[in-house]
Amino acid sequence: MEQQDALTELVRQQVGTGKRWSTREFAARAIDPETGWSPSKSLLGKIIGGQGYTISPRLVSALAVGLGLPREVVAAAAHMQVIGYTAEELTGGAPAIVLKHLGAKGGGEKAAQVAARWEREEHN
């Protein structure tokens, strides 16, 4: 798992052919509660395909609803994907939760190790 792909991977693990939701099903459930906006099937296809897309607050909110994750966790994944994290920013739990979630869904041993280290650092 590459840090730059955190938000993409959260979506890719749950949406697409053979996954929990098709792009059509996910678009119907991923609705930003403040604006009522939902990502199109085309945009979801770009995300799943790892193509370029713009991360916006309404996209983060819609994806959080669709994935059933707290907005702060999806926002942490977006942050990881756009600019990464510095050690000083890892005092909160959201980055570790992202890596745990990715690791639990096949993100690999490296993700699990980083998540465990962040969790230890958070509790020290």
N, C-alpha and C. Protein backbone atom coordinates (compact mmCIF):
# COMPACT_ATOMS: atom_id res chain seq x y z
N MET A 1 0.85 -1.18 0.00
CA MET A 1 0.00 0.00 0.00
C MET A 1 0.89 1.23 0.00
N GLU A 2 0.71 2.06 -0.95
CA GLU A 2 1.42 3.32 -0.99
C GLU A 2 0.60 4.37 -0.28
N GLN A 3 1.26 5.19 0.50
CA GLN A 3 0.58 6.27 1.22
C GLN A 3 -0.24 7.12 0.26
N GLN A 4 0.28 7.37 -0.93
CA GLN A 4 -0.39 8.24 -1.88
C GLN A 4 -1.73 7.67 -2.35
N ASP A 5 -1.96 6.38 -2.16
CA ASP A 5 -3.16 5.73 -2.66
C ASP A 5 -4.19 5.47 -1.58
N ALA A 6 -4.08 6.08 -0.41
CA ALA A 6 -4.92 5.71 0.72
C ALA A 6 -6.42 5.87 0.43
N LEU A 7 -6.84 7.01 -0.07
CA LEU A 7 -8.27 7.22 -0.34
C LEU A 7 -8.73 6.32 -1.48
N THR A 8 -7.93 6.23 -2.53
CA THR A 8 -8.25 5.36 -3.65
C THR A 8 -8.44 3.93 -3.16
N GLU A 9 -7.54 3.46 -2.31
CA GLU A 9 -7.62 2.08 -1.82
C GLU A 9 -8.85 1.85 -0.95
N LEU A 10 -9.22 2.82 -0.13
CA LEU A 10 -10.43 2.66 0.68
C LEU A 10 -11.63 2.39 -0.22
N VAL A 11 -11.74 3.12 -1.31
CA VAL A 11 -12.86 2.94 -2.24
C VAL A 11 -12.69 1.65 -3.02
N ARG A 12 -11.51 1.41 -3.54
CA ARG A 12 -11.24 0.24 -4.38
C ARG A 12 -11.55 -1.07 -3.64
N GLN A 13 -11.33 -1.10 -2.35
CA GLN A 13 -11.57 -2.32 -1.60
C GLN A 13 -13.05 -2.68 -1.50
N GLN A 14 -13.92 -1.70 -1.64
CA GLN A 14 -15.35 -1.93 -1.43
C GLN A 14 -16.21 -1.79 -2.68
N VAL A 15 -15.71 -1.12 -3.71
CA VAL A 15 -16.54 -0.73 -4.85
C VAL A 15 -15.94 -1.26 -6.15
N GLY A 16 -16.79 -1.81 -7.00
CA GLY A 16 -16.37 -2.28 -8.31
C GLY A 16 -16.80 -3.71 -8.55
N THR A 17 -16.45 -4.23 -9.69
CA THR A 17 -16.83 -5.57 -10.08
C THR A 17 -16.33 -6.58 -9.05
N GLY A 18 -17.24 -7.40 -8.54
CA GLY A 18 -16.89 -8.43 -7.58
C GLY A 18 -16.68 -7.92 -6.16
N LYS A 19 -16.97 -6.66 -5.90
CA LYS A 19 -16.78 -6.08 -4.57
C LYS A 19 -18.12 -5.95 -3.86
N ARG A 20 -18.12 -5.35 -2.71
CA ARG A 20 -19.33 -5.19 -1.91
C ARG A 20 -20.42 -4.43 -2.67
N TRP A 21 -20.05 -3.36 -3.37
CA TRP A 21 -21.02 -2.56 -4.12
C TRP A 21 -20.53 -2.33 -5.54
N SER A 22 -21.46 -2.29 -6.48
CA SER A 22 -21.13 -1.83 -7.83
C SER A 22 -21.00 -0.31 -7.78
N THR A 23 -20.47 0.28 -8.83
CA THR A 23 -20.36 1.74 -8.84
C THR A 23 -21.74 2.37 -8.78
N ARG A 24 -22.72 1.76 -9.42
CA ARG A 24 -24.09 2.29 -9.40
C ARG A 24 -24.67 2.24 -7.97
N GLU A 25 -24.51 1.11 -7.30
CA GLU A 25 -25.01 0.98 -5.93
C GLU A 25 -24.32 1.96 -4.99
N PHE A 26 -23.01 2.08 -5.16
CA PHE A 26 -22.26 2.97 -4.28
C PHE A 26 -22.63 4.42 -4.51
N ALA A 27 -22.79 4.81 -5.77
CA ALA A 27 -23.17 6.19 -6.08
C ALA A 27 -24.52 6.53 -5.44
N ALA A 28 -25.40 5.55 -5.36
CA ALA A 28 -26.72 5.78 -4.76
C ALA A 28 -26.66 5.94 -3.24
N ARG A 29 -25.64 5.36 -2.61
CA ARG A 29 -25.55 5.44 -1.15
C ARG A 29 -24.56 6.49 -0.65
N ALA A 30 -23.61 6.89 -1.51
CA ALA A 30 -22.56 7.84 -1.13
C ALA A 30 -23.04 9.26 -1.40
N ILE A 31 -23.73 9.83 -0.44
CA ILE A 31 -24.33 11.15 -0.61
C ILE A 31 -23.83 12.08 0.50
N ASP A 32 -23.25 13.21 0.08
CA ASP A 32 -22.79 14.21 1.04
C ASP A 32 -24.02 14.74 1.79
N PRO A 33 -24.08 14.57 3.11
CA PRO A 33 -25.26 14.98 3.85
C PRO A 33 -25.53 16.48 3.85
N GLU A 34 -24.50 17.29 3.64
CA GLU A 34 -24.69 18.74 3.66
C GLU A 34 -25.22 19.28 2.34
N THR A 35 -24.75 18.72 1.22
CA THR A 35 -25.12 19.27 -0.09
C THR A 35 -26.04 18.37 -0.90
N GLY A 36 -26.12 17.09 -0.53
CA GLY A 36 -26.91 16.14 -1.31
C GLY A 36 -26.17 15.65 -2.54
N TRP A 37 -24.92 16.06 -2.72
CA TRP A 37 -24.12 15.67 -3.88
C TRP A 37 -23.66 14.23 -3.73
N SER A 38 -23.57 13.54 -4.86
CA SER A 38 -23.09 12.17 -4.90
C SER A 38 -22.10 12.03 -6.06
N PRO A 39 -21.02 11.27 -5.88
CA PRO A 39 -20.09 11.07 -6.99
C PRO A 39 -20.75 10.26 -8.10
N SER A 40 -20.46 10.61 -9.33
CA SER A 40 -21.01 9.88 -10.47
C SER A 40 -20.33 8.52 -10.61
N LYS A 41 -20.96 7.64 -11.37
CA LYS A 41 -20.34 6.35 -11.66
C LYS A 41 -19.02 6.56 -12.39
N SER A 42 -18.96 7.57 -13.24
CA SER A 42 -17.74 7.90 -13.97
C SER A 42 -16.62 8.29 -13.01
N LEU A 43 -16.92 9.15 -12.05
CA LEU A 43 -15.91 9.55 -11.07
C LEU A 43 -15.47 8.35 -10.24
N LEU A 44 -16.42 7.53 -9.83
CA LEU A 44 -16.06 6.33 -9.06
C LEU A 44 -15.16 5.41 -9.89
N GLY A 45 -15.43 5.32 -11.18
CA GLY A 45 -14.57 4.53 -12.06
C GLY A 45 -13.15 5.07 -12.11
N LYS A 46 -13.02 6.40 -12.14
CA LYS A 46 -11.70 7.02 -12.11
C LYS A 46 -10.98 6.70 -10.80
N ILE A 47 -11.70 6.80 -9.70
CA ILE A 47 -11.10 6.52 -8.39
C ILE A 47 -10.62 5.08 -8.34
N ILE A 48 -11.50 4.15 -8.70
CA ILE A 48 -11.16 2.73 -8.66
C ILE A 48 -10.01 2.42 -9.60
N GLY A 49 -9.99 3.08 -10.75
CA GLY A 49 -8.95 2.86 -11.75
C GLY A 49 -7.63 3.53 -11.43
N GLY A 50 -7.59 4.29 -10.34
CA GLY A 50 -6.36 4.97 -9.96
C GLY A 50 -6.01 6.13 -10.88
N GLN A 51 -7.00 6.64 -11.59
CA GLN A 51 -6.79 7.79 -12.46
C GLN A 51 -6.84 9.06 -11.63
N GLY A 52 -6.45 10.17 -12.20
CA GLY A 52 -6.48 11.42 -11.48
C GLY A 52 -7.89 11.89 -11.18
N TYR A 53 -8.10 12.40 -10.00
CA TYR A 53 -9.38 12.98 -9.63
C TYR A 53 -9.13 14.02 -8.54
N THR A 54 -10.07 14.95 -8.42
CA THR A 54 -9.94 16.02 -7.46
C THR A 54 -10.62 15.63 -6.15
N ILE A 55 -9.90 15.76 -5.06
CA ILE A 55 -10.46 15.48 -3.73
C ILE A 55 -11.04 16.77 -3.19
N SER A 56 -12.31 16.72 -2.83
CA SER A 56 -13.01 17.89 -2.29
C SER A 56 -13.70 17.51 -0.99
N PRO A 57 -14.07 18.50 -0.17
CA PRO A 57 -14.79 18.19 1.07
C PRO A 57 -16.07 17.39 0.82
N ARG A 58 -16.81 17.73 -0.24
CA ARG A 58 -18.05 16.99 -0.47
C ARG A 58 -17.77 15.56 -0.93
N LEU A 59 -16.68 15.34 -1.64
CA LEU A 59 -16.30 13.98 -2.02
C LEU A 59 -15.94 13.17 -0.77
N VAL A 60 -15.14 13.77 0.11
CA VAL A 60 -14.77 13.09 1.36
C VAL A 60 -16.01 12.73 2.16
N SER A 61 -16.94 13.66 2.30
CA SER A 61 -18.17 13.40 3.06
C SER A 61 -19.00 12.30 2.41
N ALA A 62 -19.16 12.37 1.09
CA ALA A 62 -19.95 11.37 0.39
C ALA A 62 -19.31 9.98 0.51
N LEU A 63 -18.01 9.91 0.34
CA LEU A 63 -17.32 8.62 0.45
C LEU A 63 -17.44 8.06 1.87
N ALA A 64 -17.35 8.93 2.86
CA ALA A 64 -17.48 8.47 4.26
C ALA A 64 -18.85 7.83 4.47
N VAL A 65 -19.90 8.50 4.00
CA VAL A 65 -21.25 7.94 4.13
C VAL A 65 -21.34 6.61 3.39
N GLY A 66 -20.86 6.60 2.15
CA GLY A 66 -20.94 5.39 1.35
C GLY A 66 -20.19 4.22 1.94
N LEU A 67 -19.01 4.49 2.48
CA LEU A 67 -18.18 3.43 3.06
C LEU A 67 -18.59 3.07 4.48
N GLY A 68 -19.43 3.92 5.09
CA GLY A 68 -19.82 3.67 6.48
C GLY A 68 -18.68 3.90 7.46
N LEU A 69 -17.80 4.83 7.12
CA LEU A 69 -16.66 5.16 7.97
C LEU A 69 -16.83 6.57 8.52
N PRO A 70 -16.23 6.86 9.68
CA PRO A 70 -16.26 8.24 10.17
C PRO A 70 -15.59 9.17 9.17
N ARG A 71 -16.13 10.37 9.02
CA ARG A 71 -15.59 11.34 8.07
C ARG A 71 -14.12 11.62 8.36
N GLU A 72 -13.74 11.67 9.63
CA GLU A 72 -12.34 11.97 9.97
C GLU A 72 -11.39 10.90 9.45
N VAL A 73 -11.83 9.66 9.36
CA VAL A 73 -10.98 8.59 8.84
C VAL A 73 -10.81 8.75 7.33
N VAL A 74 -11.91 9.02 6.63
CA VAL A 74 -11.82 9.24 5.18
C VAL A 74 -11.01 10.51 4.89
N ALA A 75 -11.19 11.53 5.71
CA ALA A 75 -10.40 12.76 5.55
C ALA A 75 -8.92 12.48 5.77
N ALA A 76 -8.60 11.62 6.73
CA ALA A 76 -7.19 11.27 6.96
C ALA A 76 -6.63 10.54 5.74
N ALA A 77 -7.43 9.66 5.13
CA ALA A 77 -6.98 8.98 3.91
C ALA A 77 -6.74 9.99 2.80
N ALA A 78 -7.64 10.97 2.68
CA ALA A 78 -7.47 12.01 1.66
C ALA A 78 -6.20 12.81 1.93
N HIS A 79 -5.97 13.14 3.18
CA HIS A 79 -4.76 13.88 3.57
C HIS A 79 -3.52 13.07 3.19
N MET A 80 -3.55 11.77 3.52
CA MET A 80 -2.41 10.91 3.18
C MET A 80 -2.17 10.92 1.67
N GLN A 81 -3.25 10.85 0.92
CA GLN A 81 -3.12 10.76 -0.53
C GLN A 81 -2.61 12.07 -1.14
N VAL A 82 -3.04 13.19 -0.61
CA VAL A 82 -2.68 14.47 -1.20
C VAL A 82 -1.31 14.95 -0.74
N ILE A 83 -1.07 14.95 0.57
CA ILE A 83 0.19 15.55 1.04
C ILE A 83 0.97 14.70 2.02
N GLY A 84 0.44 13.58 2.45
CA GLY A 84 1.15 12.74 3.40
C GLY A 84 1.05 13.27 4.82
N TYR A 85 1.74 12.62 5.71
CA TYR A 85 1.75 13.02 7.12
C TYR A 85 3.17 13.20 7.60
N THR A 86 3.34 14.09 8.54
CA THR A 86 4.62 14.19 9.25
C THR A 86 4.44 13.49 10.59
N ALA A 87 5.52 13.15 11.23
CA ALA A 87 5.44 12.45 12.51
C ALA A 87 4.63 13.23 13.53
N GLU A 88 4.73 14.56 13.50
CA GLU A 88 4.02 15.38 14.48
C GLU A 88 2.50 15.30 14.29
N GLU A 89 2.05 14.99 13.09
CA GLU A 89 0.61 14.93 12.81
C GLU A 89 -0.03 13.60 13.20
N LEU A 90 0.78 12.67 13.64
CA LEU A 90 0.27 11.32 13.90
C LEU A 90 -0.20 11.12 15.32
N THR A 91 -0.39 12.19 16.08
CA THR A 91 -0.83 12.03 17.46
C THR A 91 -2.30 11.65 17.55
N GLY A 92 -3.10 11.97 16.53
CA GLY A 92 -4.50 11.57 16.50
C GLY A 92 -4.63 10.15 15.99
N GLY A 93 -5.78 9.58 16.17
CA GLY A 93 -5.98 8.18 15.81
C GLY A 93 -6.38 7.93 14.37
N ALA A 94 -6.86 8.93 13.64
CA ALA A 94 -7.40 8.68 12.31
C ALA A 94 -6.38 8.07 11.33
N PRO A 95 -5.12 8.55 11.27
CA PRO A 95 -4.19 7.92 10.33
C PRO A 95 -3.96 6.43 10.63
N ALA A 96 -3.84 6.08 11.89
CA ALA A 96 -3.66 4.68 12.25
C ALA A 96 -4.91 3.87 11.90
N ILE A 97 -6.09 4.45 12.09
CA ILE A 97 -7.33 3.76 11.74
C ILE A 97 -7.38 3.50 10.24
N VAL A 98 -6.95 4.47 9.44
CA VAL A 98 -6.91 4.27 7.99
C VAL A 98 -6.03 3.07 7.66
N LEU A 99 -4.82 3.06 8.19
CA LEU A 99 -3.91 1.96 7.87
C LEU A 99 -4.43 0.63 8.38
N LYS A 100 -5.06 0.61 9.55
CA LYS A 100 -5.65 -0.63 10.05
C LYS A 100 -6.73 -1.11 9.11
N HIS A 101 -7.58 -0.18 8.67
CA HIS A 101 -8.65 -0.54 7.77
C HIS A 101 -8.10 -1.09 6.46
N LEU A 102 -7.11 -0.44 5.91
CA LEU A 102 -6.49 -0.91 4.67
C LEU A 102 -5.81 -2.25 4.89
N GLY A 103 -5.13 -2.40 6.02
CA GLY A 103 -4.45 -3.66 6.32
C GLY A 103 -5.42 -4.80 6.50
N ALA A 104 -6.56 -4.54 7.14
CA ALA A 104 -7.55 -5.58 7.36
C ALA A 104 -8.20 -6.01 6.05
N LYS A 105 -8.16 -5.17 5.05
CA LYS A 105 -8.78 -5.47 3.77
C LYS A 105 -7.74 -5.86 2.72
N GLY A 106 -6.56 -6.27 3.15
CA GLY A 106 -5.57 -6.71 2.19
C GLY A 106 -4.48 -5.71 1.90
N GLY A 107 -4.34 -4.71 2.75
CA GLY A 107 -3.33 -3.68 2.54
C GLY A 107 -1.93 -4.16 2.81
N GLY A 108 -1.81 -5.32 3.43
CA GLY A 108 -0.50 -5.92 3.58
C GLY A 108 0.12 -5.75 4.95
N GLU A 109 1.18 -6.49 5.13
CA GLU A 109 1.91 -6.52 6.40
C GLU A 109 2.52 -5.17 6.73
N LYS A 110 3.04 -4.48 5.73
CA LYS A 110 3.66 -3.17 5.99
C LYS A 110 2.65 -2.21 6.59
N ALA A 111 1.43 -2.19 6.06
CA ALA A 111 0.39 -1.31 6.59
C ALA A 111 0.08 -1.66 8.04
N ALA A 112 0.01 -2.94 8.33
CA ALA A 112 -0.28 -3.37 9.70
C ALA A 112 0.84 -2.96 10.65
N GLN A 113 2.08 -3.08 10.21
CA GLN A 113 3.21 -2.70 11.05
C GLN A 113 3.23 -1.20 11.32
N VAL A 114 2.98 -0.40 10.28
CA VAL A 114 2.95 1.04 10.47
C VAL A 114 1.81 1.43 11.40
N ALA A 115 0.64 0.83 11.21
CA ALA A 115 -0.50 1.13 12.07
C ALA A 115 -0.21 0.79 13.52
N ALA A 116 0.42 -0.35 13.76
CA ALA A 116 0.75 -0.75 15.13
C ALA A 116 1.75 0.23 15.75
N ARG A 117 2.74 0.66 14.97
CA ARG A 117 3.72 1.63 15.48
C ARG A 117 3.04 2.95 15.83
N TRP A 118 2.17 3.44 14.94
CA TRP A 118 1.47 4.69 15.20
C TRP A 118 0.61 4.58 16.46
N GLU A 119 -0.04 3.43 16.62
CA GLU A 119 -0.89 3.25 17.80
C GLU A 119 -0.05 3.26 19.07
N ARG A 120 1.11 2.59 19.05
CA ARG A 120 2.00 2.60 20.22
C ARG A 120 2.44 4.03 20.53
N GLU A 121 2.85 4.76 19.49
CA GLU A 121 3.31 6.14 19.70
C GLU A 121 2.20 7.02 20.24
N GLU A 122 0.98 6.77 19.82
CA GLU A 122 -0.15 7.57 20.28
C GLU A 122 -0.42 7.34 21.76
N HIS A 123 -0.16 6.16 22.25
CA HIS A 123 -0.47 5.84 23.64
C HIS A 123 0.72 6.04 24.57
N ASN A 124 1.83 6.48 24.05
CA ASN A 124 3.01 6.73 24.90
C ASN A 124 3.11 8.17 25.29
